């Protein structure tokens, strides 16, 4: 009886160890010790994208990189073919600065940024691209 309890607890601990190690490794490990690569979603693109893109959407945009604003707050935007400005997150601006006044295609994740003036007046939200990668 005592031996059966030991075997039972060893089995429980072994199962718990396997579950914990799979969780810590970032997912299930399949035959051959390899993980299936996560599938990349297809980015949205095309006309009317500005209206269709919601927060967290992966988009692909072709447009001219421009510097807008003035010191101390200059910002990079990509102006697409529909004349919409897609703001670039500050942490991604350095990678795109060398493409200023050039037409490029980029991929990035969209998020909305609230625009509220000092007097409390709310403006239209602007779309900001983060995790930007230059495609062309």
Protein backbone atom coordinates (compact mmCIF):
# COMPACT_ATOMS: atom_id res chain seq x y z
CA UNK A 1 0.00 0.00 0.00
CA UNK A 2 2.80 2.39 0.92
CA UNK A 3 4.59 1.68 -2.38
CA UNK A 4 1.43 2.43 -4.34
CA UNK A 5 1.09 5.82 -2.62
CA UNK A 6 4.68 6.65 -3.54
CA UNK A 7 4.10 5.67 -7.16
CA UNK A 8 0.91 7.71 -7.24
CA UNK A 9 2.60 10.84 -5.86
CA UNK A 10 5.59 10.39 -8.19
CA UNK A 11 3.17 10.24 -11.14
CA UNK A 12 1.33 13.35 -9.94
CA UNK A 13 4.60 15.26 -9.51
CA UNK A 14 5.85 14.12 -12.92
CA UNK A 15 2.63 15.28 -14.59
CA UNK A 16 2.77 18.62 -12.76
CA UNK A 17 6.40 19.05 -13.84
CA UNK A 18 5.52 18.40 -17.50
CA UNK A 19 2.62 20.85 -17.43
CA UNK A 20 4.73 23.52 -15.72
CA UNK A 21 7.65 23.08 -18.10
CA UNK A 22 5.33 23.32 -21.13
CA UNK A 23 3.80 26.51 -19.75
CA UNK A 24 7.19 28.07 -19.07
CA UNK A 25 8.57 27.15 -22.49
CA UNK A 26 5.90 29.27 -24.15
CA UNK A 27 3.64 26.57 -25.49
CA UNK A 28 3.30 22.95 -26.36
CA UNK A 29 6.28 21.06 -27.71
CA UNK A 30 5.37 18.65 -30.49
CA UNK A 31 6.98 15.51 -31.88
CA UNK A 32 10.63 15.94 -32.67
CA UNK A 33 11.04 18.60 -29.99
CA UNK A 34 10.03 21.46 -32.29
CA UNK A 35 7.33 24.03 -31.72
CA UNK A 36 4.98 25.05 -34.46
CA UNK A 37 5.81 28.59 -35.50
CA UNK A 38 2.97 31.00 -34.81
CA UNK A 39 1.21 32.11 -37.96
CA UNK A 40 1.63 35.78 -38.81
CA UNK A 41 -1.65 37.52 -39.60
CA UNK A 42 -1.97 39.15 -43.00
CA UNK A 43 -1.76 42.93 -42.67
CA UNK A 44 -4.69 45.07 -43.79
CA UNK A 45 -4.00 47.38 -46.72
CA UNK A 46 -5.73 49.15 -49.56
CA UNK A 47 -8.14 52.05 -49.95
CA UNK A 48 -10.26 53.02 -46.96
CA UNK A 49 -7.75 51.55 -44.55
CA UNK A 50 -7.83 54.57 -42.24
CA UNK A 51 -11.52 53.96 -41.50
CA UNK A 52 -11.17 50.15 -41.18
CA UNK A 53 -8.09 49.97 -38.95
CA UNK A 54 -8.87 49.49 -35.28
CA UNK A 55 -6.58 49.27 -32.27
CA UNK A 56 -4.23 46.30 -32.45
CA UNK A 57 -4.67 45.83 -36.20
CA UNK A 58 -1.62 44.96 -38.28
CA UNK A 59 -1.54 47.26 -41.30
CA UNK A 60 0.65 47.81 -44.35
CA UNK A 61 0.81 51.40 -45.55
CA UNK A 62 2.53 53.02 -48.50
CA UNK A 63 3.09 56.75 -48.25
CA UNK A 64 5.48 59.67 -47.89
CA UNK A 65 7.39 60.06 -44.62
CA UNK A 66 7.10 63.64 -43.34
CA UNK A 67 8.24 65.55 -40.29
CA UNK A 68 5.40 67.60 -38.73
CA UNK A 69 5.20 69.85 -35.71
CA UNK A 70 7.98 71.99 -34.34
CA UNK A 71 10.56 71.81 -31.60
CA UNK A 72 10.34 70.55 -28.93
CA UNK A 73 7.74 68.08 -30.27
CA UNK A 74 8.48 67.15 -33.89
CA UNK A 75 6.73 63.99 -35.04
CA UNK A 76 7.04 61.69 -38.04
CA UNK A 77 3.95 60.80 -40.04
CA UNK A 78 3.32 58.72 -43.12
CA UNK A 79 0.82 60.37 -45.44
CA UNK A 80 -0.92 57.69 -47.49
CA UNK A 81 -2.52 57.93 -50.95
CA UNK A 82 -5.86 58.94 -49.40
CA UNK A 83 -4.13 61.92 -47.70
CA UNK A 84 -4.45 60.47 -44.18
CA UNK A 85 -1.63 60.98 -41.69
CA UNK A 86 -0.46 57.90 -39.78
CA UNK A 87 1.65 59.05 -36.83
CA UNK A 88 4.73 57.03 -35.94
CA UNK A 89 5.33 56.11 -32.29
CA UNK A 90 8.30 57.99 -30.83
CA UNK A 91 10.27 54.80 -30.18
CA UNK A 92 10.05 53.88 -33.89
CA UNK A 93 10.82 57.34 -35.28
CA UNK A 94 14.60 56.88 -35.41
CA UNK A 95 14.33 53.97 -37.87
CA UNK A 96 12.19 56.02 -40.27
CA UNK A 97 13.94 59.37 -40.00
CA UNK A 98 16.38 58.46 -42.79
CA UNK A 99 13.39 58.00 -45.14
CA UNK A 100 12.10 61.55 -44.62
CA UNK A 101 10.45 62.95 -47.79
CA UNK A 102 10.62 59.51 -49.44
CA UNK A 103 7.81 57.11 -50.29
CA UNK A 104 8.04 53.85 -48.35
CA UNK A 105 5.89 50.85 -47.47
CA UNK A 106 5.75 49.97 -43.77
CA UNK A 107 3.99 47.48 -41.54
CA UNK A 108 2.96 48.26 -38.01
CA UNK A 109 0.37 47.86 -35.28
CA UNK A 110 -2.29 50.55 -34.92
CA UNK A 111 -3.41 52.23 -31.74
CA UNK A 112 -5.57 55.29 -31.18
CA UNK A 113 -4.31 58.35 -29.35
CA UNK A 114 -6.79 60.76 -27.79
CA UNK A 115 -6.31 64.39 -28.67
CA UNK A 116 -7.49 66.84 -26.00
CA UNK A 117 -6.54 70.52 -26.09
CA UNK A 118 -5.51 72.53 -23.03
CA UNK A 119 -9.00 74.04 -22.80
CA UNK A 120 -10.54 70.53 -22.64
CA UNK A 121 -11.84 70.48 -26.21
CA UNK A 122 -11.62 66.99 -27.66
CA UNK A 123 -10.33 66.53 -31.21
CA UNK A 124 -10.61 63.50 -33.48
CA UNK A 125 -8.41 60.61 -32.29
CA UNK A 126 -5.32 60.03 -34.35
CA UNK A 127 -4.00 56.68 -35.48
CA UNK A 128 -0.47 55.85 -34.41
CA UNK A 129 1.74 53.06 -35.75
CA UNK A 130 4.00 51.14 -33.39
CA UNK A 131 6.41 48.23 -33.99
CA UNK A 132 7.04 49.70 -37.45
CA UNK A 133 9.01 47.69 -40.00
CA UNK A 134 10.01 49.05 -43.43
CA UNK A 135 8.91 46.65 -46.16
CA UNK A 136 10.22 48.57 -49.20
